[in-house]
Amino acid sequence: MRTEAHAPVPRAIVLYAALGLADFGFTLAALNAGGRELNPFLAWALGVGLFEYLKLALTLLVCTAMLFLWPRSAFARRATIAANVLMATLLAYHVSLWARAMHLFE
């Protein structure tokens, strides 16, 4: 018999973490190629040298909140799905920028 303490992590939360890490990597690549951060808070963090720490800490904080709220709230489960859709859209944008920079569509 499985208890809540041993329940597997919901796939939607694992997906959010993976998308967050992919976003982090593509953001760093874009910044290294001369791009800029569009999120004002993270742009500030970039300016003061805290970008990497805060970006990863925010992803970890959101995943922790999701883990806590997932079994307790249908709204949290729907919000997690919505967050994944937004993160996937952002990642698609990053990939399209990368593909254009690499001249893959010419």
Protein backbone atom coordinates (compact mmCIF):
# COMPACT_ATOMS: atom_id res chain seq x y z
CA MET A 1 0.00 0.00 0.00
CA ARG A 2 1.35 3.39 -1.02
CA THR A 3 1.26 6.26 1.46
CA GLU A 4 1.28 9.94 0.57
CA ALA A 5 4.89 10.22 1.77
CA HIS A 6 5.93 7.63 -0.82
CA ALA A 7 3.68 8.75 -3.66
CA PRO A 8 5.54 9.46 -6.91
CA VAL A 9 6.10 13.04 -7.96
CA PRO A 10 3.35 14.00 -10.42
CA ARG A 11 4.60 14.08 -14.02
CA ALA A 12 3.29 17.62 -14.46
CA ILE A 13 5.67 18.86 -11.75
CA VAL A 14 8.61 16.94 -13.22
CA LEU A 15 7.75 18.46 -16.60
CA TYR A 16 7.65 21.96 -15.09
CA ALA A 17 11.11 21.42 -13.57
CA ALA A 18 12.48 20.15 -16.89
CA LEU A 19 10.95 23.07 -18.80
CA GLY A 20 12.36 25.47 -16.22
CA LEU A 21 15.86 24.04 -16.62
CA ALA A 22 15.56 24.16 -20.41
CA ASP A 23 14.40 27.78 -20.19
CA PHE A 24 17.38 28.51 -17.97
CA GLY A 25 19.79 27.00 -20.48
CA PHE A 26 18.29 28.72 -23.51
CA THR A 27 18.17 32.03 -21.61
CA LEU A 28 21.88 31.76 -20.78
CA ALA A 29 22.65 30.93 -24.42
CA ALA A 30 20.61 33.92 -25.60
CA LEU A 31 22.30 36.23 -23.10
CA ASN A 32 25.74 34.99 -24.19
CA ALA A 33 24.77 35.69 -27.80
CA GLY A 34 23.85 39.30 -27.00
CA GLY A 35 20.18 38.86 -26.11
CA ARG A 36 18.50 40.45 -23.13
CA GLU A 37 16.25 39.27 -20.33
CA LEU A 38 12.68 40.49 -20.79
CA ASN A 39 11.48 39.74 -17.23
CA PRO A 40 12.15 42.99 -15.30
CA PHE A 41 12.93 41.21 -12.02
CA LEU A 42 15.36 38.80 -13.65
CA ALA A 43 16.85 41.63 -15.72
CA TRP A 44 17.59 43.39 -12.44
CA ALA A 45 19.08 40.15 -11.06
CA LEU A 46 21.26 39.91 -14.15
CA GLY A 47 22.50 43.43 -13.56
CA VAL A 48 23.54 42.72 -9.99
CA GLY A 49 25.05 39.29 -10.71
CA LEU A 50 22.31 37.16 -9.13
CA PHE A 51 20.55 35.95 -12.26
CA GLU A 52 21.62 32.29 -12.19
CA TYR A 53 20.89 31.91 -8.47
CA LEU A 54 17.49 33.60 -8.58
CA LYS A 55 16.36 31.90 -11.78
CA LEU A 56 17.10 28.45 -10.36
CA ALA A 57 15.79 29.37 -6.89
CA LEU A 58 12.49 30.57 -8.37
CA THR A 59 12.08 27.34 -10.33
CA LEU A 60 12.81 25.32 -7.18
CA LEU A 61 10.41 27.44 -5.13
CA VAL A 62 7.59 26.97 -7.65
CA CYS A 63 8.21 23.21 -7.81
CA THR A 64 8.18 23.00 -4.01
CA ALA A 65 4.88 24.90 -3.85
CA MET A 66 3.45 22.62 -6.54
CA LEU A 67 4.51 19.51 -4.60
CA PHE A 68 2.84 20.84 -1.45
CA LEU A 69 -0.37 22.00 -3.14
CA TRP A 70 -0.84 19.24 -5.75
CA PRO A 71 -2.59 16.71 -3.47
CA ARG A 72 -4.58 19.41 -1.69
CA SER A 73 -6.08 21.52 -4.44
CA ALA A 74 -7.70 20.91 -7.81
CA PHE A 75 -6.97 24.56 -8.61
CA ALA A 76 -3.25 23.95 -8.00
CA ARG A 77 -3.31 20.98 -10.35
CA ARG A 78 -4.97 23.07 -13.08
CA ALA A 79 -2.53 25.93 -12.41
CA THR A 80 0.38 23.51 -12.81
CA ILE A 81 -0.94 22.41 -16.20
CA ALA A 82 -1.39 26.06 -17.23
CA ALA A 83 2.16 26.86 -16.06
CA ASN A 84 3.47 23.99 -18.20
CA VAL A 85 1.65 25.35 -21.25
CA LEU A 86 3.17 28.79 -20.64
CA MET A 87 6.65 27.35 -20.07
CA ALA A 88 6.39 25.18 -23.21
CA THR A 89 5.34 28.25 -25.20
CA LEU A 90 8.31 30.19 -23.83
CA LEU A 91 10.62 27.32 -24.66
CA ALA A 92 9.25 27.17 -28.22
CA TYR A 93 10.03 30.89 -28.52
CA HIS A 94 13.59 30.27 -27.29
CA VAL A 95 14.05 27.43 -29.76
CA SER A 96 12.75 29.58 -32.63
CA LEU A 97 15.22 32.34 -31.73
CA TRP A 98 18.03 29.80 -31.57
CA ALA A 99 17.01 28.27 -34.92
CA ARG A 100 16.97 31.71 -36.56
CA ALA A 101 20.36 32.57 -35.04
CA MET A 102 21.75 29.30 -36.39
CA HIS A 103 20.21 30.05 -39.82
CA LEU A 104 18.31 26.75 -39.80
CA PHE A 105 15.35 28.15 -41.77
CA GLU A 106 17.24 29.67 -44.67
